[in-house]
Amino acid sequence: DGTTNYADSVKGRFTVSRDNAVNTVYLQMNG
Protein backbone atom coordinates (compact mmCIF):
# COMPACT_ATOMS: atom_id res chain seq x y z
CA ASP A 1 0.00 0.00 0.00
CA GLY A 2 3.03 2.28 -0.28
CA THR A 3 4.20 2.58 3.32
CA THR A 4 7.97 3.10 3.33
CA ASN A 5 10.79 2.56 5.78
CA TYR A 6 14.38 3.77 5.47
CA ALA A 7 17.67 3.26 7.22
CA ASP A 8 18.74 6.44 8.98
CA SER A 9 21.92 6.56 6.90
CA VAL A 10 19.99 6.99 3.63
CA LYS A 11 17.03 9.14 4.69
CA GLY A 12 16.75 12.21 2.49
CA ARG A 13 19.04 10.73 -0.18
CA PHE A 14 17.37 7.48 -1.28
CA THR A 15 13.79 6.92 -2.40
CA VAL A 16 12.09 3.53 -2.71
CA SER A 17 9.09 3.13 -4.98
CA ARG A 18 7.03 0.31 -6.37
CA ASP A 19 4.96 -0.37 -9.48
CA ASN A 20 2.56 -3.18 -8.61
CA ALA A 21 1.32 -3.38 -12.20
CA VAL A 22 4.71 -4.65 -13.37
CA ASN A 23 5.83 -6.18 -10.05
CA THR A 24 8.90 -3.97 -9.87
CA VAL A 25 10.52 -2.07 -7.02
CA TYR A 26 12.97 0.78 -7.54
CA LEU A 27 15.62 2.49 -5.46
CA GLN A 28 16.59 5.99 -6.51
CA MET A 29 19.91 6.85 -4.91
CA ASN A 30 21.07 10.46 -4.89
CA GLY A 31 23.99 12.09 -3.15
Full PDB file with SEQRES, HELIX, SHEET, SSBOND, CRYST1, ORIGX, SCALE, CONECT and MASTER records, all heavy atoms in Angstrom:
SEQRES   1 A   31  ASP GLY THR THR ASN TYR ALA ASP SER VAL LYS GLY ARG          
SEQRES   2 A   31  PHE THR VAL SER ARG ASP ASN ALA VAL ASN THR VAL TYR          
SEQRES   3 A   31  LEU GLN MET ASN GLY                                          
HELIX    1 AA1 ASP A    8  VAL A   10  5                                   3    
HELIX    2 AA2 ASN A   20  VAL A   22  5                                   3    
SHEET    1 AA1 2 PHE A  14  ASP A  19  0                                        
SHEET    2 AA1 2 THR A  24  MET A  29 -1                                        
CRYST1    1.000    1.000    1.000  90.00  90.00  90.00 P 1           1          
ORIGX1      1.000000  0.000000  0.000000        0.00000                         
ORIGX2      0.000000  1.000000  0.000000        0.00000                         
ORIGX3      0.000000  0.000000  1.000000        0.00000                         
SCALE1      1.000000  0.000000  0.000000        0.00000                         
SCALE2      0.000000  1.000000  0.000000        0.00000                         
SCALE3      0.000000  0.000000  1.000000        0.00000                         
ATOM      1  N   ASP A   1       0.814  -1.216   0.000  1.00  0.00           N  
ATOM      2  CA  ASP A   1       0.000   0.000   0.000  1.00  0.00           C  
ATOM      3  C   ASP A   1       0.849   1.268   0.000  1.00  0.00           C  
ATOM      4  O   ASP A   1       0.316   2.368   0.109  1.00  0.00           O  
ATOM      5  CB  ASP A   1      -0.950   0.013   1.201  1.00  0.00           C  
ATOM      6  CG  ASP A   1      -0.211   0.066   2.530  1.00  0.00           C  
ATOM      7  OD1 ASP A   1       1.028   0.119   2.528  1.00  0.00           O  
ATOM      8  OD2 ASP A   1      -0.880   0.059   3.586  1.00  0.00           O  
ATOM      9  N   GLY A   2       2.167   1.117  -0.117  1.00  0.00           N  
ATOM     10  CA  GLY A   2       3.030   2.280  -0.284  1.00  0.00           C  
ATOM     11  C   GLY A   2       3.694   2.803   0.978  1.00  0.00           C  
ATOM     12  O   GLY A   2       4.403   3.814   0.920  1.00  0.00           O  
ATOM     13  N   THR A   3       3.517   2.159   2.103  1.00  0.00           N  
ATOM     14  CA  THR A   3       4.201   2.576   3.321  1.00  0.00           C  
ATOM     15  C   THR A   3       5.691   2.270   3.198  1.00  0.00           C  
ATOM     16  O   THR A   3       6.067   1.163   2.825  1.00  0.00           O  
ATOM     17  CB  THR A   3       3.629   1.851   4.540  1.00  0.00           C  
ATOM     18  OG1 THR A   3       2.227   2.136   4.633  1.00  0.00           O  
ATOM     19  CG2 THR A   3       4.323   2.299   5.811  1.00  0.00           C  
ATOM     20  N   THR A   4       6.528   3.261   3.508  1.00  0.00           N  
ATOM     21  CA  THR A   4       7.968   3.097   3.331  1.00  0.00           C  
ATOM     22  C   THR A   4       8.724   3.139   4.657  1.00  0.00           C  
ATOM     23  O   THR A   4       8.242   3.680   5.650  1.00  0.00           O  
ATOM     24  CB  THR A   4       8.535   4.192   2.414  1.00  0.00           C  
ATOM     25  OG1 THR A   4       8.225   5.478   2.974  1.00  0.00           O  
ATOM     26  CG2 THR A   4       7.944   4.096   1.021  1.00  0.00           C  
ATOM     27  N   ASN A   5       9.904   2.584   4.623  1.00  0.00           N  
ATOM     28  CA  ASN A   5      10.789   2.557   5.781  1.00  0.00           C  
ATOM     29  C   ASN A   5      12.213   2.679   5.273  1.00  0.00           C  
ATOM     30  O   ASN A   5      12.576   2.004   4.300  1.00  0.00           O  
ATOM     31  CB  ASN A   5      10.611   1.241   6.555  1.00  0.00           C  
ATOM     32  CG  ASN A   5      11.472   1.171   7.791  1.00  0.00           C  
ATOM     33  OD1 ASN A   5      11.652   2.159   8.486  1.00  0.00           O  
ATOM     34  ND2 ASN A   5      12.016  -0.006   8.080  1.00  0.00           N  
ATOM     35  N   TYR A   6      13.012   3.531   5.920  1.00  0.00           N  
ATOM     36  CA  TYR A   6      14.378   3.773   5.466  1.00  0.00           C  
ATOM     37  C   TYR A   6      15.371   3.630   6.611  1.00  0.00           C  
ATOM     38  O   TYR A   6      15.069   3.960   7.756  1.00  0.00           O  
ATOM     39  CB  TYR A   6      14.526   5.190   4.903  1.00  0.00           C  
ATOM     40  CG  TYR A   6      13.761   5.456   3.646  1.00  0.00           C  
ATOM     41  CD1 TYR A   6      12.480   5.995   3.689  1.00  0.00           C  
ATOM     42  CD2 TYR A   6      14.320   5.183   2.403  1.00  0.00           C  
ATOM     43  CE1 TYR A   6      11.767   6.240   2.533  1.00  0.00           C  
ATOM     44  CE2 TYR A   6      13.625   5.432   1.235  1.00  0.00           C  
ATOM     45  CZ  TYR A   6      12.354   5.956   1.309  1.00  0.00           C  
ATOM     46  OH  TYR A   6      11.658   6.205   0.151  1.00  0.00           O  
ATOM     47  N   ALA A   7      16.569   3.193   6.267  1.00  0.00           N  
ATOM     48  CA  ALA A   7      17.666   3.257   7.221  1.00  0.00           C  
ATOM     49  C   ALA A   7      18.015   4.723   7.447  1.00  0.00           C  
ATOM     50  O   ALA A   7      17.928   5.548   6.526  1.00  0.00           O  
ATOM     51  CB  ALA A   7      18.887   2.512   6.678  1.00  0.00           C  
ATOM     52  N   ASP A   8      18.416   5.050   8.672  1.00  0.00           N  
ATOM     53  CA  ASP A   8      18.744   6.442   8.985  1.00  0.00           C  
ATOM     54  C   ASP A   8      19.846   6.984   8.068  1.00  0.00           C  
ATOM     55  O   ASP A   8      19.846   8.164   7.711  1.00  0.00           O  
ATOM     56  CB  ASP A   8      19.184   6.561  10.442  1.00  0.00           C  
ATOM     57  CG  ASP A   8      18.034   6.406  11.418  1.00  0.00           C  
ATOM     58  OD1 ASP A   8      16.866   6.541  10.993  1.00  0.00           O  
ATOM     59  OD2 ASP A   8      18.290   6.156  12.609  1.00  0.00           O  
ATOM     60  N   SER A   9      20.765   6.128   7.686  1.00  0.00           N  
ATOM     61  CA  SER A   9      21.920   6.559   6.903  1.00  0.00           C  
ATOM     62  C   SER A   9      21.564   6.997   5.480  1.00  0.00           C  
ATOM     63  O   SER A   9      22.370   7.652   4.819  1.00  0.00           O  
ATOM     64  CB  SER A   9      22.961   5.441   6.839  1.00  0.00           C  
ATOM     65  OG  SER A   9      22.405   4.281   6.244  1.00  0.00           O  
ATOM     66  N   VAL A  10      20.362   6.645   5.005  1.00  0.00           N  
ATOM     67  CA  VAL A  10      19.989   6.991   3.626  1.00  0.00           C  
ATOM     68  C   VAL A  10      18.794   7.928   3.559  1.00  0.00           C  
ATOM     69  O   VAL A  10      18.424   8.365   2.460  1.00  0.00           O  
ATOM     70  CB  VAL A  10      19.709   5.721   2.794  1.00  0.00           C  
ATOM     71  CG1 VAL A  10      20.876   4.760   2.869  1.00  0.00           C  
ATOM     72  CG2 VAL A  10      18.415   5.045   3.215  1.00  0.00           C  
ATOM     73  N   LYS A  11      18.196   8.249   4.693  1.00  0.00           N  
ATOM     74  CA  LYS A  11      17.031   9.143   4.692  1.00  0.00           C  
ATOM     75  C   LYS A  11      17.386  10.483   4.056  1.00  0.00           C  
ATOM     76  O   LYS A  11      18.422  11.068   4.346  1.00  0.00           O  
ATOM     77  CB  LYS A  11      16.530   9.351   6.117  1.00  0.00           C  
ATOM     78  CG  LYS A  11      15.767   8.178   6.682  1.00  0.00           C  
ATOM     79  CD  LYS A  11      15.263   8.458   8.102  1.00  0.00           C  
ATOM     80  CE  LYS A  11      14.502   7.272   8.654  1.00  0.00           C  
ATOM     81  NZ  LYS A  11      14.062   7.499  10.058  1.00  0.00           N  
ATOM     82  N   GLY A  12      16.515  10.951   3.169  1.00  0.00           N  
ATOM     83  CA  GLY A  12      16.748  12.214   2.489  1.00  0.00           C  
ATOM     84  C   GLY A  12      17.590  12.081   1.234  1.00  0.00           C  
ATOM     85  O   GLY A  12      17.686  13.043   0.458  1.00  0.00           O  
ATOM     86  N   ARG A  13      18.202  10.924   1.015  1.00  0.00           N  
ATOM     87  CA  ARG A  13      19.038  10.729  -0.177  1.00  0.00           C  
ATOM     88  C   ARG A  13      18.468   9.644  -1.089  1.00  0.00           C  
ATOM     89  O   ARG A  13      18.573   9.754  -2.306  1.00  0.00           O  
ATOM     90  CB  ARG A  13      20.457  10.325   0.228  1.00  0.00           C  
ATOM     91  CG  ARG A  13      21.182  11.356   1.074  1.00  0.00           C  
ATOM     92  CD  ARG A  13      22.655  10.985   1.261  1.00  0.00           C  
ATOM     93  NE  ARG A  13      22.819   9.733   1.979  1.00  0.00           N  
ATOM     94  CZ  ARG A  13      23.509   8.686   1.527  1.00  0.00           C  
ATOM     95  NH1 ARG A  13      24.081   8.749   0.332  1.00  0.00           N  
ATOM     96  NH2 ARG A  13      23.624   7.579   2.251  1.00  0.00           N  
ATOM     97  N   PHE A  14      17.897   8.604  -0.508  1.00  0.00           N  
ATOM     98  CA  PHE A  14      17.366   7.480  -1.283  1.00  0.00           C  
ATOM     99  C   PHE A  14      15.844   7.502  -1.247  1.00  0.00           C  
ATOM    100  O   PHE A  14      15.239   7.894  -0.242  1.00  0.00           O  
ATOM    101  CB  PHE A  14      17.843   6.154  -0.699  1.00  0.00           C  
ATOM    102  CG  PHE A  14      19.312   5.867  -0.856  1.00  0.00           C  
ATOM    103  CD1 PHE A  14      20.209   6.830  -1.288  1.00  0.00           C  
ATOM    104  CD2 PHE A  14      19.804   4.601  -0.548  1.00  0.00           C  
ATOM    105  CE1 PHE A  14      21.563   6.557  -1.421  1.00  0.00           C  
ATOM    106  CE2 PHE A  14      21.146   4.308  -0.672  1.00  0.00           C  
ATOM    107  CZ  PHE A  14      22.022   5.289  -1.100  1.00  0.00           C  
ATOM    108  N   THR A  15      15.237   7.034  -2.338  1.00  0.00           N  
ATOM    109  CA  THR A  15      13.788   6.917  -2.402  1.00  0.00           C  
ATOM    110  C   THR A  15      13.419   5.560  -2.973  1.00  0.00           C  
ATOM    111  O   THR A  15      13.883   5.194  -4.062  1.00  0.00           O  
ATOM    112  CB  THR A  15      13.181   8.016  -3.289  1.00  0.00           C  
ATOM    113  OG1 THR A  15      13.547   9.297  -2.779  1.00  0.00           O  
ATOM    114  CG2 THR A  15      11.663   7.900  -3.312  1.00  0.00           C  
ATOM    115  N   VAL A  16      12.580   4.831  -2.241  1.00  0.00           N  
ATOM    116  CA  VAL A  16      12.094   3.535  -2.715  1.00  0.00           C  
ATOM    117  C   VAL A  16      10.685   3.722  -3.264  1.00  0.00           C  
ATOM    118  O   VAL A  16       9.881   4.479  -2.710  1.00  0.00           O  
ATOM    119  CB  VAL A  16      12.115   2.485  -1.582  1.00  0.00           C  
ATOM    120  CG1 VAL A  16      11.197   2.862  -0.431  1.00  0.00           C  
ATOM    121  CG2 VAL A  16      11.790   1.097  -2.118  1.00  0.00           C  
ATOM    122  N   SER A  17      10.411   3.065  -4.381  1.00  0.00           N  
ATOM    123  CA  SER A  17       9.086   3.132  -4.985  1.00  0.00           C  
ATOM    124  C   SER A  17       8.757   1.777  -5.580  1.00  0.00           C  
ATOM    125  O   SER A  17       9.624   0.913  -5.724  1.00  0.00           O  
ATOM    126  CB  SER A  17       9.019   4.232  -6.045  1.00  0.00           C  
ATOM    127  OG  SER A  17       9.953   3.992  -7.080  1.00  0.00           O  
ATOM    128  N   ARG A  18       7.491   1.629  -5.943  1.00  0.00           N  
ATOM    129  CA  ARG A  18       7.034   0.314  -6.372  1.00  0.00           C  
ATOM    130  C   ARG A  18       5.941   0.474  -7.413  1.00  0.00           C  
ATOM    131  O   ARG A  18       5.060   1.320  -7.269  1.00  0.00           O  
ATOM    132  CB  ARG A  18       6.511  -0.436  -5.143  1.00  0.00           C  
ATOM    133  CG  ARG A  18       5.945  -1.799  -5.353  1.00  0.00           C  
ATOM    134  CD  ARG A  18       5.663  -2.425  -3.993  1.00  0.00           C  
ATOM    135  NE  ARG A  18       5.014  -3.708  -4.113  1.00  0.00           N  
ATOM    136  CZ  ARG A  18       4.773  -4.522  -3.104  1.00  0.00           C  
ATOM    137  NH1 ARG A  18       5.138  -4.178  -1.872  1.00  0.00           N  
ATOM    138  NH2 ARG A  18       4.172  -5.674  -3.284  1.00  0.00           N  
ATOM    139  N   ASP A  19       6.001  -0.325  -8.456  1.00  0.00           N  
ATOM    140  CA  ASP A  19       4.962  -0.373  -9.475  1.00  0.00           C  
ATOM    141  C   ASP A  19       4.343  -1.755  -9.425  1.00  0.00           C  
ATOM    142  O   ASP A  19       4.908  -2.722  -9.956  1.00  0.00           O  
ATOM    143  CB  ASP A  19       5.555  -0.073 -10.855  1.00  0.00           C  
ATOM    144  CG  ASP A  19       4.491   0.068 -11.926  1.00  0.00           C  
ATOM    145  OD1 ASP A  19       3.361  -0.436 -11.715  1.00  0.00           O  
ATOM    146  OD2 ASP A  19       4.784   0.658 -12.967  1.00  0.00           O  
ATOM    147  N   ASN A  20       3.203  -1.870  -8.766  1.00  0.00           N  
ATOM    148  CA  ASN A  20       2.560  -3.177  -8.608  1.00  0.00           C  
ATOM    149  C   ASN A  20       2.093  -3.759  -9.943  1.00  0.00           C  
ATOM    150  O   ASN A  20       1.978  -4.984 -10.085  1.00  0.00           O  
ATOM    151  CB  ASN A  20       1.395  -3.073  -7.631  1.00  0.00           C  
ATOM    152  CG  ASN A  20       1.853  -2.787  -6.210  1.00  0.00           C  
ATOM    153  OD1 ASN A  20       2.920  -3.224  -5.785  1.00  0.00           O  
ATOM    154  ND2 ASN A  20       1.045  -2.048  -5.469  1.00  0.00           N  
ATOM    155  N   ALA A  21       1.808  -2.897 -10.905  1.00  0.00           N  
ATOM    156  CA  ALA A  21       1.322  -3.377 -12.199  1.00  0.00           C  
ATOM    157  C   ALA A  21       2.367  -4.210 -12.933  1.00  0.00           C  
ATOM    158  O   ALA A  21       2.019  -5.115 -13.705  1.00  0.00           O  
ATOM    159  CB  ALA A  21       0.894  -2.205 -13.064  1.00  0.00           C  
ATOM    160  N   VAL A  22       3.641  -3.897 -12.695  1.00  0.00           N  
ATOM    161  CA  VAL A  22       4.714  -4.652 -13.367  1.00  0.00           C  
ATOM    162  C   VAL A  22       5.594  -5.365 -12.348  1.00  0.00           C  
ATOM    163  O   VAL A  22       6.669  -5.860 -12.693  1.00  0.00           O  
ATOM    164  CB  VAL A  22       5.573  -3.737 -14.270  1.00  0.00           C  
ATOM    165  CG1 VAL A  22       4.745  -3.247 -15.445  1.00  0.00           C  
ATOM    166  CG2 VAL A  22       6.131  -2.564 -13.502  1.00  0.00           C  
ATOM    167  N   ASN A  23       5.118  -5.425 -11.095  1.00  0.00           N  
ATOM    168  CA  ASN A  23       5.829  -6.175 -10.049  1.00  0.00           C  
ATOM    169  C   ASN A  23       7.300  -5.782  -9.947  1.00  0.00           C  
ATOM    170  O   ASN A  23       8.199  -6.638  -9.927  1.00  0.00           O  
ATOM    171  CB  ASN A  23       5.705  -7.677 -10.308  1.00  0.00           C  
ATOM    172  CG  ASN A  23       4.257  -8.133 -10.345  1.00  0.00           C  
ATOM    173  OD1 ASN A  23       3.503  -7.888  -9.424  1.00  0.00           O  
ATOM    174  ND2 ASN A  23       3.872  -8.772 -11.440  1.00  0.00           N  
ATOM    175  N   THR A  24       7.536  -4.482  -9.899  1.00  0.00           N  
ATOM    176  CA  THR A  24       8.901  -3.966  -9.867  1.00  0.00           C  
ATOM    177  C   THR A  24       9.057  -2.959  -8.734  1.00  0.00           C  
ATOM    178  O   THR A  24       8.161  -2.145  -8.500  1.00  0.00           O  
ATOM    179  CB  THR A  24       9.272  -3.318 -11.204  1.00  0.00           C  
ATOM    180  OG1 THR A  24       9.166  -4.299 -12.255  1.00  0.00           O  
ATOM    181  CG2 THR A  24      10.696  -2.780 -11.183  1.00  0.00           C  
ATOM    182  N   VAL A  25      10.181  -3.041  -8.051  1.00  0.00           N  
ATOM    183  CA  VAL A  25      10.519  -2.073  -7.015  1.00  0.00           C  
ATOM    184  C   VAL A  25      11.787  -1.344  -7.447  1.00  0.00           C  
ATOM    185  O   VAL A  25      12.664  -1.930  -8.090  1.00  0.00           O  
ATOM    186  CB  VAL A  25      10.701  -2.756  -5.640  1.00  0.00           C  
ATOM    187  CG1 VAL A  25      11.864  -3.732  -5.645  1.00  0.00           C  
ATOM    188  CG2 VAL A  25      10.865  -1.725  -4.534  1.00  0.00           C  
ATOM    189  N   TYR A  26      11.860  -0.067  -7.122  1.00  0.00           N  
ATOM    190  CA  TYR A  26      12.972   0.775  -7.537  1.00  0.00           C  
ATOM    191  C   TYR A  26      13.648   1.394  -6.312  1.00  0.00           C  
ATOM    192  O   TYR A  26      13.017   1.581  -5.273  1.00  0.00           O  
ATOM    193  CB  TYR A  26      12.481   1.907  -8.444  1.00  0.00           C  
ATOM    194  CG  TYR A  26      11.692   1.435  -9.636  1.00  0.00           C  
ATOM    195  CD1 TYR A  26      10.304   1.388  -9.593  1.00  0.00           C  
ATOM    196  CD2 TYR A  26      12.335   1.030 -10.801  1.00  0.00           C  
ATOM    197  CE1 TYR A  26       9.564   0.950 -10.680  1.00  0.00           C  
ATOM    198  CE2 TYR A  26      11.602   0.591 -11.898  1.00  0.00           C  
ATOM    199  CZ  TYR A  26      10.219   0.557 -11.834  1.00  0.00           C  
ATOM    200  OH  TYR A  26       9.506   0.112 -12.912  1.00  0.00           O  
ATOM    201  N   LEU A  27      14.905   1.738  -6.487  1.00  0.00           N  
ATOM    202  CA  LEU A  27      15.615   2.493  -5.457  1.00  0.00           C  
ATOM    203  C   LEU A  27      16.380   3.610  -6.153  1.00  0.00           C  
ATOM    204  O   LEU A  27      17.358   3.353  -6.859  1.00  0.00           O  
ATOM    205  CB  LEU A  27      16.576   1.610  -4.666  1.00  0.00           C  
ATOM    206  CG  LEU A  27      17.279   2.296  -3.494  1.00  0.00           C  
ATOM    207  CD1 LEU A  27      16.261   2.650  -2.399  1.00  0.00           C  
ATOM    208  CD2 LEU A  27      18.389   1.416  -2.917  1.00  0.00           C  
ATOM    209  N   GLN A  28      15.903   4.827  -5.979  1.00  0.00           N  
ATOM    210  CA  GLN A  28      16.587   5.993  -6.511  1.00  0.00           C  
ATOM    211  C   GLN A  28      17.582   6.467  -5.467  1.00  0.00           C  
ATOM    212  O   GLN A  28      17.194   6.797  -4.345  1.00  0.00           O  
ATOM    213  CB  GLN A  28      15.597   7.115  -6.838  1.00  0.00           C  
ATOM    214  CG  GLN A  28      16.240   8.387  -7.345  1.00  0.00           C  
ATOM    215  CD  GLN A  28      16.915   8.204  -8.698  1.00  0.00           C  
ATOM    216  OE1 GLN A  28      16.349   7.579  -9.595  1.00  0.00           O  
ATOM    217  NE2 GLN A  28      18.115   8.747  -8.842  1.00  0.00           N  
ATOM    218  N   MET A  29      18.845   6.486  -5.847  1.00  0.00           N  
ATOM    219  CA  MET A  29      19.908   6.847  -4.911  1.00  0.00           C  
ATOM    220  C   MET A  29      20.577   8.127  -5.381  1.00  0.00           C  
ATOM    221  O   MET A  29      21.171   8.153  -6.467  1.00  0.00           O  
ATOM    222  CB  MET A  29      20.935   5.707  -4.816  1.00  0.00           C  
ATOM    223  CG  MET A  29      20.321   4.373  -4.430  1.00  0.00           C  
ATOM    224  SD  MET A  29      21.546   3.076  -4.170  1.00  0.00           S  
ATOM    225  CE  MET A  29      22.157   2.876  -5.837  1.00  0.00           C  
ATOM    226  N   ASN A  30      20.451   9.168  -4.593  1.00  0.00           N  
ATOM    227  CA  ASN A  30      21.070  10.461  -4.890  1.00  0.00           C  
ATOM    228  C   ASN A  30      22.093  10.787  -3.815  1.00  0.00           C  
ATOM    229  O   ASN A  30      22.054  10.240  -2.716  1.00  0.00           O  
ATOM    230  CB  ASN A  30      20.017  11.558  -4.942  1.00  0.00           C  
ATOM    231  CG  ASN A  30      18.973  11.324  -6.015  1.00  0.00           C  
ATOM    232  OD1 ASN A  30      19.263  10.764  -7.073  1.00  0.00           O  
ATOM    233  ND2 ASN A  30      17.750  11.738  -5.751  1.00  0.00           N  
ATOM    234  N   GLY A  31      22.993  11.692  -4.129  1.00  0.00           N  
ATOM    235  CA  GLY A  31      23.989  12.085  -3.149  1.00  0.00           C  
ATOM    236  C   GLY A  31      24.812  10.929  -2.638  1.00  0.00           C  
ATOM    237  O   GLY A  31      25.088  10.830  -1.438  1.00  0.00           O  
TER     238      GLY A  31                                                      
MASTER        0    0    0    2    2    0    0    6  237    1    0    3          
END                                                                             
